[in-house]
Amino acid sequence: MAIATFKAALNSMKTAVGAPASLTCRPATTAPTERALYDAFIKGNPAIEQLEPCPICQTALLILDEKGLPFNRQYVDSRTRPDWLKAVAGDEMPVIRDLDMDPQRWYVGLPDISRHLQERHPETSIGVIGTAAQPGTGQATQADVDGLWAAFLSYLEAAQGDDEEELAALEEKLREVKEKLADKRYLQGDADVTAADLALVPRLHHIMTSLPELKMRPVAESTHFLLEKNWQMPPDMEAVEEYVDRVRSRDSFRNSTTPSEAIIKHWRDHQSRNRKKYRKRHDGSKKRTDIPVT
């Protein structure tokens, strides 16, 4: 029944957006005993149905899973993205479509996806990923998450030994996470995770997994807390590590993450490709030419 439903939906999609008969994505239903309500288009290898290390796509899967919504995973090779998907989403990922409400309506990017899922399924409320935090909630906005991510990318790509400024900026963003947590288990309290946590923790997970391998260096004395204990959080920052571990222990996270070695390889390859884009101006200051998301 699930296969028949998918084929019918796929035919409808082809008619609507001109999708070719041969796609570079393939379904893998997360709950085979339930009828899927959504298609989730995420970065991955369609031949072996394997996720790419992409924290942004993982956030979309986390939101669907935490809300208890059955869905199909549609793996899309980011190097050979089909034209029909480019037509509806450009270069952005993830993308979902609501198979019950309107299969020809596409929801592109995390703010759009989280808003639709919250409005459509308010019975399991985890909030939305938005641009403004409600006063007093400690919510991480998309700007907060993007700021942390930009600091990580800048530090990752900066030349070893010439990255003090970038490291200081990254540490400042991590301290902001600690301040938002205060004494809470999650960003918005002790009760349970929200969309803000599901947006932030996958990125923190990638940062904490990749940097010890990609930015290792001997340090005798350092003013940087990330280097003092060989990339271990110091006592006054342990709340951040405990927070990340708390979210990583959830079934939804384990079901949507990729192996550590895959994450490290992904960012090592990214580091090699993008260092040439990170240039120095004549006055010695540094400027990113772009901020890729993954």
C-alpha atoms as a PDB file:
ATOM      1  CA  MET A   1       0.000   0.000   0.000  1.00  0.00           C
ATOM      2  CA  ALA A   2       2.809   2.440   0.913  1.00  0.00           C
ATOM      3  CA  ILE A   3       4.544   1.727  -2.417  1.00  0.00           C
ATOM      4  CA  ALA A   4       1.326   2.269  -4.349  1.00  0.00           C
ATOM      5  CA  THR A   5       0.718   5.526  -2.477  1.00  0.00           C
ATOM      6  CA  PHE A   6       4.226   6.724  -3.271  1.00  0.00           C
ATOM      7  CA  LYS A   7       3.908   5.854  -6.961  1.00  0.00           C
ATOM      8  CA  ALA A   8       0.622   7.711  -7.206  1.00  0.00           C
ATOM      9  CA  ALA A   9       2.114  10.744  -5.468  1.00  0.00           C
ATOM     10  CA  LEU A  10       5.194  10.590  -7.655  1.00  0.00           C
ATOM     11  CA  ASN A  11       3.116  10.566 -10.835  1.00  0.00           C
ATOM     12  CA  SER A  12       1.215  13.577  -9.535  1.00  0.00           C
ATOM     13  CA  MET A  13       4.490  15.337  -8.802  1.00  0.00           C
ATOM     14  CA  LYS A  14       5.847  14.665 -12.282  1.00  0.00           C
ATOM     15  CA  THR A  15       2.735  16.176 -13.814  1.00  0.00           C
ATOM     16  CA  ALA A  16       2.915  19.208 -11.563  1.00  0.00           C
ATOM     17  CA  VAL A  17       6.591  20.115 -11.873  1.00  0.00           C
ATOM     18  CA  GLY A  18       7.818  18.233 -14.907  1.00  0.00           C
ATOM     19  CA  ALA A  19       9.913  15.705 -13.012  1.00  0.00           C
ATOM     20  CA  PRO A  20      11.777  13.265 -15.264  1.00  0.00           C
ATOM     21  CA  ALA A  21      11.049   9.579 -15.086  1.00  0.00           C
ATOM     22  CA  SER A  22      14.506   8.851 -13.684  1.00  0.00           C
ATOM     23  CA  LEU A  23      15.073  10.612 -10.356  1.00  0.00           C
ATOM     24  CA  THR A  24      18.184  10.959  -8.217  1.00  0.00           C
ATOM     25  CA  CYS A  25      16.127  10.457  -5.091  1.00  0.00           C
ATOM     26  CA  ARG A  26      14.460   7.408  -3.675  1.00  0.00           C
ATOM     27  CA  PRO A  27      11.928   6.730  -0.903  1.00  0.00           C
ATOM     28  CA  ALA A  28      12.636   5.174   2.458  1.00  0.00           C
ATOM     29  CA  THR A  29       9.592   5.335   4.710  1.00  0.00           C
ATOM     30  CA  THR A  30      10.449   5.863   8.369  1.00  0.00           C
ATOM     31  CA  ALA A  31       7.267   4.175   9.573  1.00  0.00           C
ATOM     32  CA  PRO A  32       6.430   1.375   7.094  1.00  0.00           C
ATOM     33  CA  THR A  33       3.273   0.332   8.958  1.00  0.00           C
ATOM     34  CA  GLU A  34       1.764   3.832   8.697  1.00  0.00           C
ATOM     35  CA  ARG A  35       0.730   5.796   5.658  1.00  0.00           C
ATOM     36  CA  ALA A  36       3.239   8.575   5.087  1.00  0.00           C
ATOM     37  CA  LEU A  37       1.902  12.106   5.523  1.00  0.00           C
ATOM     38  CA  TYR A  38       4.981  13.827   4.137  1.00  0.00           C
ATOM     39  CA  ASP A  39       7.820  13.489   1.665  1.00  0.00           C
ATOM     40  CA  ALA A  40      11.076  14.877   3.085  1.00  0.00           C
ATOM     41  CA  PHE A  41      13.713  15.664   0.456  1.00  0.00           C
ATOM     42  CA  ILE A  42      17.139  15.565   2.097  1.00  0.00           C
ATOM     43  CA  LYS A  43      20.766  15.316   1.035  1.00  0.00           C
ATOM     44  CA  GLY A  44      21.905  11.732   0.685  1.00  0.00           C
ATOM     45  CA  ASN A  45      22.943   8.859  -1.524  1.00  0.00           C
ATOM     46  CA  PRO A  46      19.801   7.497  -3.212  1.00  0.00           C
ATOM     47  CA  ALA A  47      21.534   4.319  -4.381  1.00  0.00           C
ATOM     48  CA  ILE A  48      22.177   3.080  -0.844  1.00  0.00           C
ATOM     49  CA  GLU A  49      19.608   5.262   0.974  1.00  0.00           C
ATOM     50  CA  GLN A  50      22.214   6.936   3.161  1.00  0.00           C
ATOM     51  CA  LEU A  51      22.160  10.443   4.613  1.00  0.00           C
ATOM     52  CA  GLU A  52      24.862  12.970   3.866  1.00  0.00           C
ATOM     53  CA  PRO A  53      26.301  14.754   6.911  1.00  0.00           C
ATOM     54  CA  CYS A  54      23.977  17.774   6.796  1.00  0.00           C
ATOM     55  CA  PRO A  55      22.832  19.295  10.110  1.00  0.00           C
ATOM     56  CA  ILE A  56      20.166  21.359   8.381  1.00  0.00           C
ATOM     57  CA  CYS A  57      18.519  18.341   6.779  1.00  0.00           C
ATOM     58  CA  GLN A  58      18.817  16.531  10.102  1.00  0.00           C
ATOM     59  CA  THR A  59      16.822  19.296  11.781  1.00  0.00           C
ATOM     60  CA  ALA A  60      13.921  18.751   9.373  1.00  0.00           C
ATOM     61  CA  LEU A  61      13.950  15.009  10.138  1.00  0.00           C
ATOM     62  CA  LEU A  62      14.105  15.718  13.875  1.00  0.00           C
ATOM     63  CA  ILE A  63      11.052  17.967  13.738  1.00  0.00           C
ATOM     64  CA  LEU A  64       9.026  15.400  11.790  1.00  0.00           C
ATOM     65  CA  ASP A  65      10.097  12.616  14.152  1.00  0.00           C
ATOM     66  CA  GLU A  66       9.533  14.558  17.379  1.00  0.00           C
ATOM     67  CA  LYS A  67       6.033  15.463  16.204  1.00  0.00           C
ATOM     68  CA  GLY A  68       5.333  11.782  15.508  1.00  0.00           C
ATOM     69  CA  LEU A  69       4.569  12.295  11.815  1.00  0.00           C
ATOM     70  CA  PRO A  70       5.122   9.363   9.410  1.00  0.00           C
ATOM     71  CA  PHE A  71       7.122  10.422   6.377  1.00  0.00           C
ATOM     72  CA  ASN A  72       9.142   9.206   3.413  1.00  0.00           C
ATOM     73  CA  ARG A  73      12.809  10.049   3.172  1.00  0.00           C
ATOM     74  CA  GLN A  74      13.662  11.141  -0.359  1.00  0.00           C
ATOM     75  CA  TYR A  75      17.440  11.054  -0.741  1.00  0.00           C
ATOM     76  CA  VAL A  76      18.804  13.617  -3.200  1.00  0.00           C
ATOM     77  CA  ASP A  77      22.379  13.589  -4.468  1.00  0.00           C
ATOM     78  CA  SER A  78      23.410  17.207  -3.975  1.00  0.00           C
ATOM     79  CA  ARG A  79      25.891  16.950  -6.871  1.00  0.00           C
ATOM     80  CA  THR A  80      23.244  15.883  -9.389  1.00  0.00           C
ATOM     81  CA  ARG A  81      20.146  17.651  -8.131  1.00  0.00           C
ATOM     82  CA  PRO A  82      17.344  17.035 -10.649  1.00  0.00           C
ATOM     83  CA  ASP A  83      16.022  19.968 -12.661  1.00  0.00           C
ATOM     84  CA  TRP A  84      12.468  19.557 -11.371  1.00  0.00           C
ATOM     85  CA  LEU A  85      13.712  20.012  -7.791  1.00  0.00           C
ATOM     86  CA  LYS A  86      15.757  23.054  -8.777  1.00  0.00           C
ATOM     87  CA  ALA A  87      12.577  24.495 -10.277  1.00  0.00           C
ATOM     88  CA  VAL A  88      10.681  24.322  -6.980  1.00  0.00           C
ATOM     89  CA  ALA A  89      13.480  24.877  -4.449  1.00  0.00           C
ATOM     90  CA  GLY A  90      16.516  26.298  -6.223  1.00  0.00           C
ATOM     91  CA  ASP A  91      19.634  25.142  -4.399  1.00  0.00           C
ATOM     92  CA  GLU A  92      17.972  25.043  -0.982  1.00  0.00           C
ATOM     93  CA  MET A  93      17.483  21.942   1.132  1.00  0.00           C
ATOM     94  CA  PRO A  94      15.632  20.442   2.927  1.00  0.00           C
ATOM     95  CA  VAL A  95      12.249  20.444   1.199  1.00  0.00           C
ATOM     96  CA  ILE A  96       9.006  18.756   2.234  1.00  0.00           C
ATOM     97  CA  ARG A  97       5.551  18.353   0.747  1.00  0.00           C
ATOM     98  CA  ASP A  98       2.307  17.542   2.501  1.00  0.00           C
ATOM     99  CA  LEU A  99       0.842  14.460   0.815  1.00  0.00           C
ATOM    100  CA  ASP A 100      -2.573  14.924   2.442  1.00  0.00           C
ATOM    101  CA  MET A 101      -3.070  18.651   2.147  1.00  0.00           C
ATOM    102  CA  ASP A 102      -1.554  19.612  -1.225  1.00  0.00           C
ATOM    103  CA  PRO A 103       1.139  17.409  -2.840  1.00  0.00           C
ATOM    104  CA  GLN A 104       1.883  20.200  -5.308  1.00  0.00           C
ATOM    105  CA  ARG A 105       2.766  22.689  -2.544  1.00  0.00           C
ATOM    106  CA  TRP A 106       6.434  22.687  -1.523  1.00  0.00           C
ATOM    107  CA  TYR A 107       7.825  23.883   1.802  1.00  0.00           C
ATOM    108  CA  VAL A 108      11.419  24.977   1.401  1.00  0.00           C
ATOM    109  CA  GLY A 109      13.907  25.656   4.201  1.00  0.00           C
ATOM    110  CA  LEU A 110      13.619  25.184   7.950  1.00  0.00           C
ATOM    111  CA  PRO A 111      11.526  28.265   8.871  1.00  0.00           C
ATOM    112  CA  ASP A 112       8.899  27.420   6.226  1.00  0.00           C
ATOM    113  CA  ILE A 113       8.920  23.718   7.128  1.00  0.00           C
ATOM    114  CA  SER A 114       8.688  24.197  10.889  1.00  0.00           C
ATOM    115  CA  ARG A 115       5.932  26.807  10.539  1.00  0.00           C
ATOM    116  CA  HIS A 116       3.796  24.545   8.356  1.00  0.00           C
ATOM    117  CA  LEU A 117       4.238  21.508  10.609  1.00  0.00           C
ATOM    118  CA  GLN A 118       3.371  23.509  13.720  1.00  0.00           C
ATOM    119  CA  GLU A 119       0.251  25.031  12.158  1.00  0.00           C
ATOM    120  CA  ARG A 120      -0.845  21.736  10.622  1.00  0.00           C
ATOM    121  CA  HIS A 121      -0.191  19.595  13.714  1.00  0.00           C
ATOM    122  CA  PRO A 122      -0.566  21.844  16.789  1.00  0.00           C
ATOM    123  CA  GLU A 123      -1.415  18.878  19.022  1.00  0.00           C
ATOM    124  CA  THR A 124       2.319  18.211  19.438  1.00  0.00           C
ATOM    125  CA  SER A 125       3.706  21.686  19.932  1.00  0.00           C
ATOM    126  CA  ILE A 126       7.454  22.195  19.670  1.00  0.00           C
ATOM    127  CA  GLY A 127       7.387  25.746  18.312  1.00  0.00           C
ATOM    128  CA  VAL A 128       8.885  27.047  15.105  1.00  0.00           C
ATOM    129  CA  ILE A 129      12.280  28.116  13.833  1.00  0.00           C
ATOM    130  CA  GLY A 130      11.850  31.835  13.410  1.00  0.00           C
ATOM    131  CA  THR A 131      13.652  35.113  13.105  1.00  0.00           C
ATOM    132  CA  ALA A 132      12.558  36.570  16.451  1.00  0.00           C
ATOM    133  CA  ALA A 133      12.588  35.066  19.926  1.00  0.00           C
ATOM    134  CA  GLN A 134       9.766  35.631  22.372  1.00  0.00           C
ATOM    135  CA  PRO A 135      10.929  37.724  25.354  1.00  0.00           C
ATOM    136  CA  GLY A 136      12.126  35.665  28.291  1.00  0.00           C
ATOM    137  CA  THR A 137      12.188  32.326  26.492  1.00  0.00           C
ATOM    138  CA  GLY A 138      15.905  32.129  25.761  1.00  0.00           C
ATOM    139  CA  GLN A 139      14.953  30.849  22.334  1.00  0.00           C
ATOM    140  CA  ALA A 140      17.722  30.591  19.761  1.00  0.00           C
ATOM    141  CA  THR A 141      16.612  32.395  16.635  1.00  0.00           C
ATOM    142  CA  GLN A 142      17.663  31.433  13.133  1.00  0.00           C
ATOM    143  CA  ALA A 143      20.048  34.402  13.231  1.00  0.00           C
ATOM    144  CA  ASP A 144      21.686  32.958  16.370  1.00  0.00           C
ATOM    145  CA  VAL A 145      22.108  29.564  14.718  1.00  0.00           C
ATOM    146  CA  ASP A 146      23.417  31.113  11.500  1.00  0.00           C
ATOM    147  CA  GLY A 147      25.876  33.252  13.482  1.00  0.00           C
ATOM    148  CA  LEU A 148      27.295  30.201  15.241  1.00  0.00           C
ATOM    149  CA  TRP A 149      27.545  28.358  11.929  1.00  0.00           C
ATOM    150  CA  ALA A 150      29.308  31.231  10.162  1.00  0.00           C
ATOM    151  CA  ALA A 151      31.843  31.421  13.019  1.00  0.00           C
ATOM    152  CA  PHE A 152      32.495  27.680  12.745  1.00  0.00           C
ATOM    153  CA  LEU A 153      33.011  27.840   8.974  1.00  0.00           C
ATOM    154  CA  SER A 154      35.335  30.830   9.222  1.00  0.00           C
ATOM    155  CA  TYR A 155      37.473  29.112  11.843  1.00  0.00           C
ATOM    156  CA  LEU A 156      37.499  25.815   9.985  1.00  0.00           C
ATOM    157  CA  GLU A 157      38.734  27.444   6.793  1.00  0.00           C
ATOM    158  CA  ALA A 158      41.272  29.816   8.339  1.00  0.00           C
ATOM    159  CA  ALA A 159      44.912  28.777   8.038  1.00  0.00           C
ATOM    160  CA  GLN A 160      46.408  27.012  11.040  1.00  0.00           C
ATOM    161  CA  GLY A 161      48.309  29.504  13.180  1.00  0.00           C
ATOM    162  CA  ASP A 162      46.484  32.418  11.567  1.00  0.00           C
ATOM    163  CA  ASP A 163      43.086  31.766  13.083  1.00  0.00           C
ATOM    164  CA  GLU A 164      43.112  33.500  16.477  1.00  0.00           C
ATOM    165  CA  GLU A 165      40.412  35.970  15.504  1.00  0.00           C
ATOM    166  CA  GLU A 166      38.160  33.236  14.137  1.00  0.00           C
ATOM    167  CA  LEU A 167      38.639  31.020  17.183  1.00  0.00           C
ATOM    168  CA  ALA A 168      37.756  33.877  19.528  1.00  0.00           C
ATOM    169  CA  ALA A 169      34.580  34.548  17.525  1.00  0.00           C
ATOM    170  CA  LEU A 170      33.563  30.884  17.693  1.00  0.00           C
ATOM    171  CA  GLU A 171      34.151  30.742  21.444  1.00  0.00           C
ATOM    172  CA  GLU A 172      32.040  33.855  21.881  1.00  0.00           C
ATOM    173  CA  LYS A 173      29.155  32.173  20.037  1.00  0.00           C
ATOM    174  CA  LEU A 174      29.482  29.088  22.252  1.00  0.00           C
ATOM    175  CA  ARG A 175      29.360  31.279  25.357  1.00  0.00           C
ATOM    176  CA  GLU A 176      26.157  32.810  24.021  1.00  0.00           C
ATOM    177  CA  VAL A 177      24.672  29.304  23.897  1.00  0.00           C
ATOM    178  CA  LYS A 178      25.648  28.805  27.539  1.00  0.00           C
ATOM    179  CA  GLU A 179      24.028  32.114  28.499  1.00  0.00           C
ATOM    180  CA  LYS A 180      20.789  31.167  26.745  1.00  0.00           C
ATOM    181  CA  LEU A 181      20.730  27.827  28.532  1.00  0.00           C
ATOM    182  CA  ALA A 182      21.364  29.332  31.979  1.00  0.00           C
ATOM    183  CA  ASP A 183      20.286  26.512  34.333  1.00  0.00           C
ATOM    184  CA  LYS A 184      17.718  24.997  31.980  1.00  0.00           C
ATOM    185  CA  ARG A 185      17.786  21.521  30.451  1.00  0.00           C
ATOM    186  CA  TYR A 186      16.664  22.937  27.105  1.00  0.00           C
ATOM    187  CA  LEU A 187      16.601  26.403  25.593  1.00  0.00           C
ATOM    188  CA  GLN A 188      12.989  27.089  26.563  1.00  0.00           C
ATOM    189  CA  GLY A 189      12.877  25.286  29.899  1.00  0.00           C
ATOM    190  CA  ASP A 190      13.142  21.887  31.523  1.00  0.00           C
ATOM    191  CA  ALA A 191      10.054  20.250  30.013  1.00  0.00           C
ATOM    192  CA  ASP A 192      11.220  19.024  26.611  1.00  0.00           C
ATOM    193  CA  VAL A 193      12.975  19.905  23.380  1.00  0.00           C
ATOM    194  CA  THR A 194      11.618  22.532  21.029  1.00  0.00           C
ATOM    195  CA  ALA A 195      12.341  23.455  17.437  1.00  0.00           C
ATOM    196  CA  ALA A 196      15.040  25.823  18.716  1.00  0.00           C
ATOM    197  CA  ASP A 197      16.969  22.896  20.220  1.00  0.00           C
ATOM    198  CA  LEU A 198      16.471  20.795  17.102  1.00  0.00           C
ATOM    199  CA  ALA A 199      17.952  23.581  14.979  1.00  0.00           C
ATOM    200  CA  LEU A 200      20.920  24.247  17.248  1.00  0.00           C
ATOM    201  CA  VAL A 201      22.145  20.852  18.471  1.00  0.00           C
ATOM    202  CA  PRO A 202      22.871  19.230  15.067  1.00  0.00           C
ATOM    203  CA  ARG A 203      25.205  22.136  14.316  1.00  0.00           C
ATOM    204  CA  LEU A 204      26.852  21.904  17.719  1.00  0.00           C
ATOM    205  CA  HIS A 205      27.248  18.169  17.144  1.00  0.00           C
ATOM    206  CA  HIS A 206      29.094  18.776  13.864  1.00  0.00           C
ATOM    207  CA  ILE A 207      31.307  21.409  15.495  1.00  0.00           C
ATOM    208  CA  MET A 208      32.196  19.209  18.474  1.00  0.00           C
ATOM    209  CA  THR A 209      32.786  16.154  16.270  1.00  0.00           C
ATOM    210  CA  SER A 210      34.916  17.706  13.533  1.00  0.00           C
ATOM    211  CA  LEU A 211      37.128  20.335  15.150  1.00  0.00           C
ATOM    212  CA  PRO A 212      39.167  18.019  17.433  1.00  0.00           C
ATOM    213  CA  GLU A 213      40.256  16.136  14.301  1.00  0.00           C
ATOM    214  CA  LEU A 214      40.630  19.013  11.862  1.00  0.00           C
ATOM    215  CA  LYS A 215      42.139  21.770  14.031  1.00  0.00           C
ATOM    216  CA  MET A 216      44.444  19.827  16.358  1.00  0.00           C
ATOM    217  CA  ARG A 217      47.612  21.571  17.509  1.00  0.00           C
ATOM    218  CA  PRO A 218      49.925  21.479  20.543  1.00  0.00           C
ATOM    219  CA  VAL A 219      49.300  24.331  22.958  1.00  0.00           C
ATOM    220  CA  ALA A 220      51.488  25.043  25.972  1.00  0.00           C
ATOM    221  CA  GLU A 221      49.520  27.992  27.281  1.00  0.00           C
ATOM    222  CA  SER A 222      46.370  29.324  25.700  1.00  0.00           C
ATOM    223  CA  THR A 223      43.751  31.926  26.436  1.00  0.00           C
ATOM    224  CA  HIS A 224      41.237  29.920  24.392  1.00  0.00           C
ATOM    225  CA  PHE A 225      39.064  27.560  26.399  1.00  0.00           C
ATOM    226  CA  LEU A 226      38.646  25.179  23.454  1.00  0.00           C
ATOM    227  CA  LEU A 227      42.404  24.588  23.369  1.00  0.00           C
ATOM    228  CA  GLU A 228      43.105  24.396  27.097  1.00  0.00           C
ATOM    229  CA  LYS A 229      41.939  20.785  27.424  1.00  0.00           C
ATOM    230  CA  ASN A 230      42.405  19.545  23.878  1.00  0.00           C
ATOM    231  CA  TRP A 231      38.934  20.586  22.720  1.00  0.00           C
ATOM    232  CA  GLN A 232      37.123  19.477  25.875  1.00  0.00           C
ATOM    233  CA  MET A 233      34.718  21.996  27.359  1.00  0.00           C
ATOM    234  CA  PRO A 234      36.075  23.605  30.575  1.00  0.00           C
ATOM    235  CA  PRO A 235      34.034  23.315  33.807  1.00  0.00           C
ATOM    236  CA  ASP A 236      32.223  26.606  33.265  1.00  0.00           C
ATOM    237  CA  MET A 237      31.085  25.420  29.812  1.00  0.00           C
ATOM    238  CA  GLU A 238      30.105  21.856  30.674  1.00  0.00           C
ATOM    239  CA  ALA A 239      26.423  22.826  30.566  1.00  0.00           C
ATOM    240  CA  VAL A 240      26.719  23.145  26.783  1.00  0.00           C
ATOM    241  CA  GLU A 241      28.231  19.679  26.401  1.00  0.00           C
ATOM    242  CA  GLU A 242      25.611  18.151  28.713  1.00  0.00           C
ATOM    243  CA  TYR A 243      22.883  19.895  26.736  1.00  0.00           C
ATOM    244  CA  VAL A 244      24.182  18.489  23.454  1.00  0.00           C
ATOM    245  CA  ASP A 245      24.469  14.988  24.951  1.00  0.00           C
ATOM    246  CA  ARG A 246      20.907  15.260  26.265  1.00  0.00           C
ATOM    247  CA  VAL A 247      19.535  15.859  22.780  1.00  0.00           C
ATOM    248  CA  ARG A 248      21.894  13.362  21.140  1.00  0.00           C
ATOM    249  CA  SER A 249      20.551  10.609  23.406  1.00  0.00           C
ATOM    250  CA  ARG A 250      17.052  10.900  21.947  1.00  0.00           C
ATOM    251  CA  ASP A 251      15.843   8.257  19.491  1.00  0.00           C
ATOM    252  CA  SER A 252      15.003  10.951  16.955  1.00  0.00           C
ATOM    253  CA  PHE A 253      18.614  12.129  16.912  1.00  0.00           C
ATOM    254  CA  ARG A 254      20.082   8.643  16.659  1.00  0.00           C
ATOM    255  CA  ASN A 255      17.704   7.894  13.767  1.00  0.00           C
ATOM    256  CA  SER A 256      18.765  10.965  11.807  1.00  0.00           C
ATOM    257  CA  THR A 257      22.493  11.405  12.393  1.00  0.00           C
ATOM    258  CA  THR A 258      25.484  10.123  10.442  1.00  0.00           C
ATOM    259  CA  PRO A 259      28.628   8.361  11.754  1.00  0.00           C
ATOM    260  CA  SER A 260      31.351  10.554  13.247  1.00  0.00           C
ATOM    261  CA  GLU A 261      33.859   9.451  10.628  1.00  0.00           C
ATOM    262  CA  ALA A 262      31.483  10.592   7.862  1.00  0.00           C
ATOM    263  CA  ILE A 263      31.093  14.000   9.530  1.00  0.00           C
ATOM    264  CA  ILE A 264      34.864  14.399   9.863  1.00  0.00           C
ATOM    265  CA  LYS A 265      35.451  13.421   6.235  1.00  0.00           C
ATOM    266  CA  HIS A 266      32.727  15.797   5.052  1.00  0.00           C
ATOM    267  CA  TRP A 267      34.291  18.767   6.819  1.00  0.00           C
ATOM    268  CA  ARG A 268      37.843  17.796   5.864  1.00  0.00           C
ATOM    269  CA  ASP A 269      36.751  17.835   2.217  1.00  0.00           C
ATOM    270  CA  HIS A 270      34.947  21.133   2.758  1.00  0.00           C
ATOM    271  CA  GLN A 271      38.042  22.590   4.412  1.00  0.00           C
ATOM    272  CA  SER A 272      40.223  21.646   1.441  1.00  0.00           C
ATOM    273  CA  ARG A 273      37.758  23.048  -1.113  1.00  0.00           C
ATOM    274  CA  ASN A 274      37.042  26.337   0.595  1.00  0.00           C
ATOM    275  CA  ARG A 275      40.327  27.521   2.067  1.00  0.00           C
ATOM    276  CA  LYS A 276      41.226  29.102  -1.263  1.00  0.00           C
ATOM    277  CA  LYS A 277      38.102  31.277  -0.937  1.00  0.00           C
ATOM    278  CA  TYR A 278      39.295  32.700   2.368  1.00  0.00           C
ATOM    279  CA  ARG A 279      41.658  35.504   1.424  1.00  0.00           C
ATOM    280  CA  LYS A 280      43.652  38.185   3.163  1.00  0.00           C
ATOM    281  CA  ARG A 281      43.393  41.825   2.169  1.00  0.00           C
ATOM    282  CA  HIS A 282      46.467  44.052   2.085  1.00  0.00           C
ATOM    283  CA  ASP A 283      45.737  45.413   5.582  1.00  0.00           C
ATOM    284  CA  GLY A 284      45.869  41.917   7.084  1.00  0.00           C
ATOM    285  CA  SER A 285      42.158  41.628   7.813  1.00  0.00           C
ATOM    286  CA  LYS A 286      40.202  38.620   6.562  1.00  0.00           C
ATOM    287  CA  LYS A 287      37.002  38.383   4.638  1.00  0.00           C
ATOM    288  CA  ARG A 288      34.843  35.456   3.715  1.00  0.00           C
ATOM    289  CA  THR A 289      33.770  35.412   0.086  1.00  0.00           C
ATOM    290  CA  ASP A 290      30.755  33.283   0.955  1.00  0.00           C
ATOM    291  CA  ILE A 291      29.135  31.377   3.810  1.00  0.00           C
ATOM    292  CA  PRO A 292      28.011  27.965   2.530  1.00  0.00           C
ATOM    293  CA  VAL A 293      25.526  26.207   4.775  1.00  0.00           C
ATOM    294  CA  THR A 294      27.009  22.701   4.611  1.00  0.00           C
END
